């Protein structure tokens, strides 16, 4: 029996909040795949990213596969949440460092349970891998197409394996399709790897200059916090000015990614500008 080699997931939302969709593709070592998708009438992009991962792990857990589960996503929020933040949240009774209720607690609890269930099945942790969104990666692009299709109410035809080849819990399809080409090797890009950490000494910089830089940083963080608290939308060019980076660097990072204490999510396009929303997230 063929085995699942890779899982890909993605979520989409029209409006954020608004109608959303999610997509999951399981690629097998024989070149075939099995696609899943779904829709929620009122949701957020982050919840759809999480639902896609939940469905992927549920599908994997329904098999007898003991090889490691490898899951690819373009959501920094998802990866950091399940591999880092969730440990602290659980210790605090699903509270953030500020004592507030964790956003999307219901999905995080389900995801954490499935993550541990799959680990018990394979005897090794799930391998959560980040892939750059909208970079031409076949698996990611297909999941994005499925998610956006369900979000808009026009889901694509899903490619699925026959019921004879599926685990018992997932034998809900009578379609048997010819194997499709496997996606090419991925260039795994982590946001952390993109950030160059300068280790050179700053002793040669006058103290008053260093202090001025800190004041500027604090002002920047305060502005970001006010934007998040007010649920204001911010254009790519404005976000680039706030982060002190090129505008192209903003749009190339995908639909949802982490920056300092915030998750930055793409909301919609207005004219030639993309609008973004900042959501404050407290880690451990």
C-alpha atoms as a PDB file:
ATOM      1  CA  UNK A   1       0.000   0.000   0.000  1.00  0.00           C
ATOM      2  CA  UNK A   2       1.304   3.441  -0.901  1.00  0.00           C
ATOM      3  CA  UNK A   3       2.116   5.904   1.851  1.00  0.00           C
ATOM      4  CA  UNK A   4       1.490   9.619   2.342  1.00  0.00           C
ATOM      5  CA  UNK A   5       4.739  11.426   1.617  1.00  0.00           C
ATOM      6  CA  UNK A   6       3.717  15.054   2.224  1.00  0.00           C
ATOM      7  CA  UNK A   7       0.699  17.049   3.371  1.00  0.00           C
ATOM      8  CA  UNK A   8      -0.001  20.578   2.154  1.00  0.00           C
ATOM      9  CA  UNK A   9      -2.533  22.966   3.665  1.00  0.00           C
ATOM     10  CA  UNK A  10      -3.812  26.490   3.090  1.00  0.00           C
ATOM     11  CA  UNK A  11      -6.677  28.743   4.131  1.00  0.00           C
ATOM     12  CA  UNK A  12      -8.372  31.752   2.555  1.00  0.00           C
ATOM     13  CA  UNK A  13     -10.919  34.325   3.627  1.00  0.00           C
ATOM     14  CA  UNK A  14     -12.875  36.955   1.698  1.00  0.00           C
ATOM     15  CA  UNK A  15     -12.972  39.954   4.014  1.00  0.00           C
ATOM     16  CA  UNK A  16     -11.166  38.553   7.086  1.00  0.00           C
ATOM     17  CA  UNK A  17     -13.613  38.181   8.778  1.00  0.00           C
ATOM     18  CA  UNK A  18     -15.923  36.908   6.089  1.00  0.00           C
ATOM     19  CA  UNK A  19     -16.665  33.739   4.125  1.00  0.00           C
ATOM     20  CA  UNK A  20     -13.646  31.452   4.118  1.00  0.00           C
ATOM     21  CA  UNK A  21     -12.354  28.210   2.749  1.00  0.00           C
ATOM     22  CA  UNK A  22      -9.578  25.706   3.372  1.00  0.00           C
ATOM     23  CA  UNK A  23      -7.716  23.203   1.246  1.00  0.00           C
ATOM     24  CA  UNK A  24      -5.612  20.127   1.985  1.00  0.00           C
ATOM     25  CA  UNK A  25      -3.654  17.885  -0.387  1.00  0.00           C
ATOM     26  CA  UNK A  26      -2.071  14.575   0.626  1.00  0.00           C
ATOM     27  CA  UNK A  27       0.679  13.467  -1.794  1.00  0.00           C
ATOM     28  CA  UNK A  28       1.531   9.763  -1.912  1.00  0.00           C
ATOM     29  CA  UNK A  29       4.803   8.049  -2.742  1.00  0.00           C
ATOM     30  CA  UNK A  30       3.222   6.476  -5.850  1.00  0.00           C
ATOM     31  CA  UNK A  31       2.584   9.906  -7.392  1.00  0.00           C
ATOM     32  CA  UNK A  32      -1.145  10.068  -6.591  1.00  0.00           C
ATOM     33  CA  UNK A  33      -2.879  12.531  -4.293  1.00  0.00           C
ATOM     34  CA  UNK A  34      -6.061  13.020  -2.302  1.00  0.00           C
ATOM     35  CA  UNK A  35      -7.594  16.495  -1.973  1.00  0.00           C
ATOM     36  CA  UNK A  36      -9.946  17.830   0.687  1.00  0.00           C
ATOM     37  CA  UNK A  37     -11.656  21.178   1.088  1.00  0.00           C
ATOM     38  CA  UNK A  38     -14.363  22.979   3.012  1.00  0.00           C
ATOM     39  CA  UNK A  39     -16.063  26.293   3.696  1.00  0.00           C
ATOM     40  CA  UNK A  40     -17.201  28.480   6.583  1.00  0.00           C
ATOM     41  CA  UNK A  41     -19.677  31.312   6.022  1.00  0.00           C
ATOM     42  CA  UNK A  42     -18.180  33.605   8.672  1.00  0.00           C
ATOM     43  CA  UNK A  43     -14.582  33.121   9.735  1.00  0.00           C
ATOM     44  CA  UNK A  44     -11.032  34.478   9.539  1.00  0.00           C
ATOM     45  CA  UNK A  45      -7.987  33.600   7.487  1.00  0.00           C
ATOM     46  CA  UNK A  46      -6.136  32.221  10.525  1.00  0.00           C
ATOM     47  CA  UNK A  47      -9.036  29.917  11.446  1.00  0.00           C
ATOM     48  CA  UNK A  48      -9.092  28.553   7.901  1.00  0.00           C
ATOM     49  CA  UNK A  49      -5.330  27.924   8.025  1.00  0.00           C
ATOM     50  CA  UNK A  50      -5.863  25.980  11.238  1.00  0.00           C
ATOM     51  CA  UNK A  51      -8.873  24.063   9.913  1.00  0.00           C
ATOM     52  CA  UNK A  52      -6.855  22.952   6.890  1.00  0.00           C
ATOM     53  CA  UNK A  53      -4.142  21.573   9.182  1.00  0.00           C
ATOM     54  CA  UNK A  54      -6.731  19.884  11.416  1.00  0.00           C
ATOM     55  CA  UNK A  55      -8.252  18.126   8.399  1.00  0.00           C
ATOM     56  CA  UNK A  56      -4.803  17.077   7.183  1.00  0.00           C
ATOM     57  CA  UNK A  57      -3.870  15.539  10.542  1.00  0.00           C
ATOM     58  CA  UNK A  58      -7.271  13.848  10.837  1.00  0.00           C
ATOM     59  CA  UNK A  59      -6.743  12.293   7.421  1.00  0.00           C
ATOM     60  CA  UNK A  60      -3.234  11.150   8.330  1.00  0.00           C
ATOM     61  CA  UNK A  61      -4.377   9.783  11.706  1.00  0.00           C
ATOM     62  CA  UNK A  62      -6.953   7.658   9.884  1.00  0.00           C
ATOM     63  CA  UNK A  63      -4.176   5.660   8.248  1.00  0.00           C
ATOM     64  CA  UNK A  64      -1.915   3.034   9.764  1.00  0.00           C
ATOM     65  CA  UNK A  65       1.134   4.915   8.540  1.00  0.00           C
ATOM     66  CA  UNK A  66       4.070   4.982  10.915  1.00  0.00           C
ATOM     67  CA  UNK A  67       6.436   7.115   8.855  1.00  0.00           C
ATOM     68  CA  UNK A  68       6.809  10.706  10.035  1.00  0.00           C
ATOM     69  CA  UNK A  69       4.029  13.114   9.112  1.00  0.00           C
ATOM     70  CA  UNK A  70       5.399  16.106   7.171  1.00  0.00           C
ATOM     71  CA  UNK A  71       3.037  19.071   6.831  1.00  0.00           C
ATOM     72  CA  UNK A  72       3.739  22.178   4.730  1.00  0.00           C
ATOM     73  CA  UNK A  73       1.970  25.495   5.319  1.00  0.00           C
ATOM     74  CA  UNK A  74       2.608  29.140   4.448  1.00  0.00           C
ATOM     75  CA  UNK A  75       1.141  30.304   7.787  1.00  0.00           C
ATOM     76  CA  UNK A  76       3.690  31.495  10.352  1.00  0.00           C
ATOM     77  CA  UNK A  77       0.815  31.886  12.821  1.00  0.00           C
ATOM     78  CA  UNK A  78       0.002  28.187  12.522  1.00  0.00           C
ATOM     79  CA  UNK A  79       3.581  26.934  12.821  1.00  0.00           C
ATOM     80  CA  UNK A  80       4.607  29.177  15.701  1.00  0.00           C
ATOM     81  CA  UNK A  81       1.358  28.504  17.508  1.00  0.00           C
ATOM     82  CA  UNK A  82       1.576  24.710  17.420  1.00  0.00           C
ATOM     83  CA  UNK A  83       5.349  24.408  17.923  1.00  0.00           C
ATOM     84  CA  UNK A  84       5.987  27.252  20.386  1.00  0.00           C
ATOM     85  CA  UNK A  85       3.087  29.247  21.817  1.00  0.00           C
ATOM     86  CA  UNK A  86       0.714  26.388  22.626  1.00  0.00           C
ATOM     87  CA  UNK A  87       3.019  25.062  25.359  1.00  0.00           C
ATOM     88  CA  UNK A  88       2.839  28.332  27.267  1.00  0.00           C
ATOM     89  CA  UNK A  89      -0.881  28.755  26.669  1.00  0.00           C
ATOM     90  CA  UNK A  90      -1.633  25.332  28.147  1.00  0.00           C
ATOM     91  CA  UNK A  91       0.477  26.047  31.234  1.00  0.00           C
ATOM     92  CA  UNK A  92      -1.508  29.243  31.787  1.00  0.00           C
ATOM     93  CA  UNK A  93      -4.896  27.578  31.299  1.00  0.00           C
ATOM     94  CA  UNK A  94      -5.211  28.756  27.702  1.00  0.00           C
ATOM     95  CA  UNK A  95      -4.409  32.335  28.626  1.00  0.00           C
ATOM     96  CA  UNK A  96      -1.905  34.658  26.983  1.00  0.00           C
ATOM     97  CA  UNK A  97       0.957  36.302  28.837  1.00  0.00           C
ATOM     98  CA  UNK A  98      -1.356  39.277  29.326  1.00  0.00           C
ATOM     99  CA  UNK A  99      -3.995  37.049  30.947  1.00  0.00           C
ATOM    100  CA  UNK A 100      -6.415  37.237  28.023  1.00  0.00           C
ATOM    101  CA  UNK A 101      -8.198  34.280  26.466  1.00  0.00           C
ATOM    102  CA  UNK A 102      -6.233  32.726  23.606  1.00  0.00           C
ATOM    103  CA  UNK A 103      -7.780  33.522  20.239  1.00  0.00           C
ATOM    104  CA  UNK A 104      -9.139  30.489  18.391  1.00  0.00           C
ATOM    105  CA  UNK A 105      -8.810  28.363  21.541  1.00  0.00           C
ATOM    106  CA  UNK A 106     -11.253  25.746  20.231  1.00  0.00           C
ATOM    107  CA  UNK A 107      -9.159  25.049  17.145  1.00  0.00           C
ATOM    108  CA  UNK A 108      -5.857  25.178  19.031  1.00  0.00           C
ATOM    109  CA  UNK A 109      -7.124  22.519  21.454  1.00  0.00           C
ATOM    110  CA  UNK A 110      -8.178  20.264  18.575  1.00  0.00           C
ATOM    111  CA  UNK A 111      -4.934  20.857  16.711  1.00  0.00           C
ATOM    112  CA  UNK A 112      -2.831  20.155  19.799  1.00  0.00           C
ATOM    113  CA  UNK A 113      -4.710  16.901  20.428  1.00  0.00           C
ATOM    114  CA  UNK A 114      -4.230  15.738  16.826  1.00  0.00           C
ATOM    115  CA  UNK A 115      -0.573  16.763  16.838  1.00  0.00           C
ATOM    116  CA  UNK A 116       0.033  14.522  19.871  1.00  0.00           C
ATOM    117  CA  UNK A 117      -2.113  11.737  18.427  1.00  0.00           C
ATOM    118  CA  UNK A 118      -0.108  11.614  15.198  1.00  0.00           C
ATOM    119  CA  UNK A 119       3.142  11.735  17.174  1.00  0.00           C
ATOM    120  CA  UNK A 120       2.003   8.713  19.189  1.00  0.00           C
ATOM    121  CA  UNK A 121       1.159   6.926  15.943  1.00  0.00           C
ATOM    122  CA  UNK A 122       4.506   7.585  14.243  1.00  0.00           C
ATOM    123  CA  UNK A 123       6.701   7.738  17.389  1.00  0.00           C
ATOM    124  CA  UNK A 124       8.208  11.011  16.140  1.00  0.00           C
ATOM    125  CA  UNK A 125       6.885  14.615  16.226  1.00  0.00           C
ATOM    126  CA  UNK A 126       4.995  16.018  13.257  1.00  0.00           C
ATOM    127  CA  UNK A 127       7.406  17.893  10.990  1.00  0.00           C
ATOM    128  CA  UNK A 128       5.850  21.356  10.571  1.00  0.00           C
ATOM    129  CA  UNK A 129       7.481  23.036   7.564  1.00  0.00           C
ATOM    130  CA  UNK A 130       7.057  26.593   6.295  1.00  0.00           C
ATOM    131  CA  UNK A 131       6.827  27.251   2.569  1.00  0.00           C
ATOM    132  CA  UNK A 132       6.640  30.682   0.983  1.00  0.00           C
ATOM    133  CA  UNK A 133       3.128  31.398  -0.261  1.00  0.00           C
ATOM    134  CA  UNK A 134       2.434  32.308  -3.901  1.00  0.00           C
ATOM    135  CA  UNK A 135       5.945  31.330  -4.958  1.00  0.00           C
ATOM    136  CA  UNK A 136       5.005  28.787  -7.621  1.00  0.00           C
ATOM    137  CA  UNK A 137       5.159  25.740  -5.350  1.00  0.00           C
ATOM    138  CA  UNK A 138       2.726  23.197  -6.801  1.00  0.00           C
ATOM    139  CA  UNK A 139       1.404  21.866  -3.502  1.00  0.00           C
ATOM    140  CA  UNK A 140       0.906  25.286  -1.956  1.00  0.00           C
ATOM    141  CA  UNK A 141      -0.642  26.760  -5.097  1.00  0.00           C
ATOM    142  CA  UNK A 142      -3.125  23.886  -5.397  1.00  0.00           C
ATOM    143  CA  UNK A 143      -4.202  24.240  -1.756  1.00  0.00           C
ATOM    144  CA  UNK A 144      -4.601  27.978  -2.283  1.00  0.00           C
ATOM    145  CA  UNK A 145      -6.802  27.316  -5.330  1.00  0.00           C
ATOM    146  CA  UNK A 146      -8.984  24.905  -3.354  1.00  0.00           C
ATOM    147  CA  UNK A 147      -9.265  27.260  -0.366  1.00  0.00           C
ATOM    148  CA  UNK A 148     -10.120  30.293  -2.489  1.00  0.00           C
ATOM    149  CA  UNK A 149     -12.607  28.274  -4.507  1.00  0.00           C
ATOM    150  CA  UNK A 150     -14.515  27.184  -1.410  1.00  0.00           C
ATOM    151  CA  UNK A 151     -14.270  30.699   0.040  1.00  0.00           C
ATOM    152  CA  UNK A 152     -15.932  32.191  -3.054  1.00  0.00           C
ATOM    153  CA  UNK A 153     -18.583  29.493  -3.227  1.00  0.00           C
ATOM    154  CA  UNK A 154     -17.107  28.000  -6.402  1.00  0.00           C
ATOM    155  CA  UNK A 155     -15.104  24.984  -5.215  1.00  0.00           C
ATOM    156  CA  UNK A 156     -12.962  23.200  -7.801  1.00  0.00           C
ATOM    157  CA  UNK A 157     -13.347  19.521  -8.603  1.00  0.00           C
ATOM    158  CA  UNK A 158     -11.232  17.662  -6.088  1.00  0.00           C
ATOM    159  CA  UNK A 159      -8.824  14.955  -7.170  1.00  0.00           C
ATOM    160  CA  UNK A 160      -9.308  11.942  -4.922  1.00  0.00           C
ATOM    161  CA  UNK A 161      -8.120   8.356  -4.630  1.00  0.00           C
ATOM    162  CA  UNK A 162     -10.591   5.477  -4.769  1.00  0.00           C
ATOM    163  CA  UNK A 163     -12.361   4.272  -1.636  1.00  0.00           C
ATOM    164  CA  UNK A 164     -10.398   1.012  -1.798  1.00  0.00           C
ATOM    165  CA  UNK A 165      -7.173   2.905  -1.210  1.00  0.00           C
ATOM    166  CA  UNK A 166      -8.370   5.228   1.560  1.00  0.00           C
ATOM    167  CA  UNK A 167      -8.337   4.593   5.315  1.00  0.00           C
ATOM    168  CA  UNK A 168     -11.764   3.371   6.586  1.00  0.00           C
ATOM    169  CA  UNK A 169     -12.659   6.717   8.156  1.00  0.00           C
ATOM    170  CA  UNK A 170     -12.145   8.515   4.841  1.00  0.00           C
ATOM    171  CA  UNK A 171     -13.871   6.183   2.365  1.00  0.00           C
ATOM    172  CA  UNK A 172     -16.274   8.799   1.122  1.00  0.00           C
ATOM    173  CA  UNK A 173     -15.353   9.035  -2.535  1.00  0.00           C
ATOM    174  CA  UNK A 174     -16.038   6.827  -5.527  1.00  0.00           C
ATOM    175  CA  UNK A 175     -13.637   8.677  -7.810  1.00  0.00           C
ATOM    176  CA  UNK A 176     -10.506   6.930  -8.982  1.00  0.00           C
ATOM    177  CA  UNK A 177      -8.162   9.226 -10.814  1.00  0.00           C
ATOM    178  CA  UNK A 178      -4.896   8.555 -12.556  1.00  0.00           C
ATOM    179  CA  UNK A 179      -1.790   9.481 -10.550  1.00  0.00           C
ATOM    180  CA  UNK A 180      -0.746  13.092 -10.998  1.00  0.00           C
ATOM    181  CA  UNK A 181       2.827  14.368 -11.054  1.00  0.00           C
ATOM    182  CA  UNK A 182       4.365  14.968  -7.664  1.00  0.00           C
ATOM    183  CA  UNK A 183       5.260  18.533  -6.759  1.00  0.00           C
ATOM    184  CA  UNK A 184       8.894  19.539  -7.301  1.00  0.00           C
ATOM    185  CA  UNK A 185      11.366  19.788  -4.482  1.00  0.00           C
ATOM    186  CA  UNK A 186      10.456  22.694  -2.246  1.00  0.00           C
ATOM    187  CA  UNK A 187      12.627  25.556  -1.229  1.00  0.00           C
ATOM    188  CA  UNK A 188      11.665  25.790   2.411  1.00  0.00           C
ATOM    189  CA  UNK A 189      11.837  29.409   3.399  1.00  0.00           C
ATOM    190  CA  UNK A 190      11.440  30.426   7.016  1.00  0.00           C
ATOM    191  CA  UNK A 191      10.707  33.999   7.954  1.00  0.00           C
ATOM    192  CA  UNK A 192      13.313  33.613  10.659  1.00  0.00           C
ATOM    193  CA  UNK A 193      15.915  32.646   8.061  1.00  0.00           C
ATOM    194  CA  UNK A 194      15.102  35.793   6.092  1.00  0.00           C
ATOM    195  CA  UNK A 195      15.918  38.015   9.049  1.00  0.00           C
ATOM    196  CA  UNK A 196      19.649  38.647   9.252  1.00  0.00           C
ATOM    197  CA  UNK A 197      20.809  39.051  12.826  1.00  0.00           C
ATOM    198  CA  UNK A 198      23.671  41.502  13.066  1.00  0.00           C
ATOM    199  CA  UNK A 199      26.136  40.441  15.741  1.00  0.00           C
ATOM    200  CA  UNK A 200      28.682  43.212  15.224  1.00  0.00           C
ATOM    201  CA  UNK A 201      29.385  45.363  18.244  1.00  0.00           C
ATOM    202  CA  UNK A 202      27.625  48.734  18.446  1.00  0.00           C
ATOM    203  CA  UNK A 203      30.097  50.174  20.924  1.00  0.00           C
ATOM    204  CA  UNK A 204      31.423  52.518  18.240  1.00  0.00           C
ATOM    205  CA  UNK A 205      27.984  54.165  17.931  1.00  0.00           C
ATOM    206  CA  UNK A 206      27.487  57.081  20.322  1.00  0.00           C
ATOM    207  CA  UNK A 207      25.185  56.292  23.227  1.00  0.00           C
ATOM    208  CA  UNK A 208      22.805  59.137  22.397  1.00  0.00           C
ATOM    209  CA  UNK A 209      22.333  57.687  18.906  1.00  0.00           C
ATOM    210  CA  UNK A 210      21.601  54.217  20.282  1.00  0.00           C
ATOM    211  CA  UNK A 211      19.075  55.680  22.734  1.00  0.00           C
ATOM    212  CA  UNK A 212      17.425  57.621  19.910  1.00  0.00           C
ATOM    213  CA  UNK A 213      17.099  54.383  17.946  1.00  0.00           C
ATOM    214  CA  UNK A 214      15.398  52.738  20.935  1.00  0.00           C
ATOM    215  CA  UNK A 215      12.950  55.633  21.257  1.00  0.00           C
ATOM    216  CA  UNK A 216      12.149  55.295  17.562  1.00  0.00           C
ATOM    217  CA  UNK A 217      11.597  51.551  18.008  1.00  0.00           C
ATOM    218  CA  UNK A 218       9.247  52.103  20.948  1.00  0.00           C
ATOM    219  CA  UNK A 219       7.260  54.642  18.916  1.00  0.00           C
ATOM    220  CA  UNK A 220       7.022  52.132  16.068  1.00  0.00           C
ATOM    221  CA  UNK A 221       5.762  49.376  18.368  1.00  0.00           C
ATOM    222  CA  UNK A 222       3.224  51.709  19.975  1.00  0.00           C
ATOM    223  CA  UNK A 223       1.879  52.663  16.554  1.00  0.00           C
ATOM    224  CA  UNK A 224       1.603  48.996  15.588  1.00  0.00           C
ATOM    225  CA  UNK A 225      -0.255  48.267  18.824  1.00  0.00           C
ATOM    226  CA  UNK A 226      -2.710  51.109  18.213  1.00  0.00           C
ATOM    227  CA  UNK A 227      -3.349  49.827  14.683  1.00  0.00           C
ATOM    228  CA  UNK A 228      -4.032  46.346  16.035  1.00  0.00           C
ATOM    229  CA  UNK A 229      -6.269  47.544  18.897  1.00  0.00           C
ATOM    230  CA  UNK A 230      -8.340  49.677  16.540  1.00  0.00           C
ATOM    231  CA  UNK A 231      -8.591  46.903  13.928  1.00  0.00           C
ATOM    232  CA  UNK A 232      -7.408  49.468  11.397  1.00  0.00           C
ATOM    233  CA  UNK A 233      -6.431  48.354   7.911  1.00  0.00           C
ATOM    234  CA  UNK A 234      -3.041  49.462   6.652  1.00  0.00           C
ATOM    235  CA  UNK A 235      -1.752  49.566   3.078  1.00  0.00           C
ATOM    236  CA  UNK A 236       1.364  47.720   1.954  1.00  0.00           C
ATOM    237  CA  UNK A 237       3.307  50.957   1.504  1.00  0.00           C
ATOM    238  CA  UNK A 238       2.296  52.164   4.971  1.00  0.00           C
ATOM    239  CA  UNK A 239       3.157  48.811   6.516  1.00  0.00           C
ATOM    240  CA  UNK A 240       6.537  48.909   4.782  1.00  0.00           C
ATOM    241  CA  UNK A 241       7.186  52.373   6.239  1.00  0.00           C
ATOM    242  CA  UNK A 242       6.231  51.120   9.689  1.00  0.00           C
ATOM    243  CA  UNK A 243       8.538  48.092   9.440  1.00  0.00           C
ATOM    244  CA  UNK A 244      11.258  50.101   7.655  1.00  0.00           C
ATOM    245  CA  UNK A 245      11.470  47.687   4.714  1.00  0.00           C
ATOM    246  CA  UNK A 246      10.718  47.779   0.999  1.00  0.00           C
ATOM    247  CA  UNK A 247       7.046  47.443  -0.005  1.00  0.00           C
ATOM    248  CA  UNK A 248       7.925  44.450  -2.182  1.00  0.00           C
ATOM    249  CA  UNK A 249       9.187  42.648   0.926  1.00  0.00           C
ATOM    250  CA  UNK A 250       5.716  42.981   2.463  1.00  0.00           C
ATOM    251  CA  UNK A 251       3.767  41.493  -0.433  1.00  0.00           C
ATOM    252  CA  UNK A 252       6.256  38.672  -1.008  1.00  0.00           C
ATOM    253  CA  UNK A 253       5.695  37.174   2.449  1.00  0.00           C
ATOM    254  CA  UNK A 254       2.306  35.635   1.724  1.00  0.00           C
ATOM    255  CA  UNK A 255      -1.169  36.178   3.172  1.00  0.00           C
ATOM    256  CA  UNK A 256      -0.354  35.710   6.861  1.00  0.00           C
ATOM    257  CA  UNK A 257       2.945  36.006   8.704  1.00  0.00           C
ATOM    258  CA  UNK A 258       4.467  36.976  12.030  1.00  0.00           C
ATOM    259  CA  UNK A 259       6.190  40.272  12.793  1.00  0.00           C
ATOM    260  CA  UNK A 260       7.431  40.891  16.344  1.00  0.00           C
ATOM    261  CA  UNK A 261       4.294  40.723  18.560  1.00  0.00           C
ATOM    262  CA  UNK A 262       1.766  40.670  15.722  1.00  0.00           C
ATOM    263  CA  UNK A 263       0.319  38.440  13.052  1.00  0.00           C
ATOM    264  CA  UNK A 264       0.002  40.385   9.805  1.00  0.00           C
ATOM    265  CA  UNK A 265      -2.852  39.156   7.577  1.00  0.00           C
ATOM    266  CA  UNK A 266      -3.859  40.180   4.080  1.00  0.00           C
ATOM    267  CA  UNK A 267      -7.482  41.390   4.016  1.00  0.00           C
ATOM    268  CA  UNK A 268      -8.295  42.677   0.530  1.00  0.00           C
ATOM    269  CA  UNK A 269      -7.130  44.785  -2.390  1.00  0.00           C
ATOM    270  CA  UNK A 270      -8.304  48.352  -2.974  1.00  0.00           C
ATOM    271  CA  UNK A 271      -7.184  49.780  -6.288  1.00  0.00           C
ATOM    272  CA  UNK A 272      -3.454  49.158  -6.560  1.00  0.00           C
ATOM    273  CA  UNK A 273      -2.980  48.699  -2.827  1.00  0.00           C
ATOM    274  CA  UNK A 274      -3.245  45.590  -0.665  1.00  0.00           C
ATOM    275  CA  UNK A 275      -4.734  46.203   2.780  1.00  0.00           C
ATOM    276  CA  UNK A 276      -3.425  44.371   5.848  1.00  0.00           C
ATOM    277  CA  UNK A 277      -4.587  43.839   9.426  1.00  0.00           C
ATOM    278  CA  UNK A 278      -2.401  43.455  12.518  1.00  0.00           C
ATOM    279  CA  UNK A 279      -3.445  41.060  15.282  1.00  0.00           C
ATOM    280  CA  UNK A 280      -1.605  41.159  18.604  1.00  0.00           C
ATOM    281  CA  UNK A 281      -0.404  37.724  19.695  1.00  0.00           C
ATOM    282  CA  UNK A 282       1.321  37.052  23.001  1.00  0.00           C
ATOM    283  CA  UNK A 283       3.568  34.005  23.116  1.00  0.00           C
ATOM    284  CA  UNK A 284       4.664  32.041  26.146  1.00  0.00           C
END
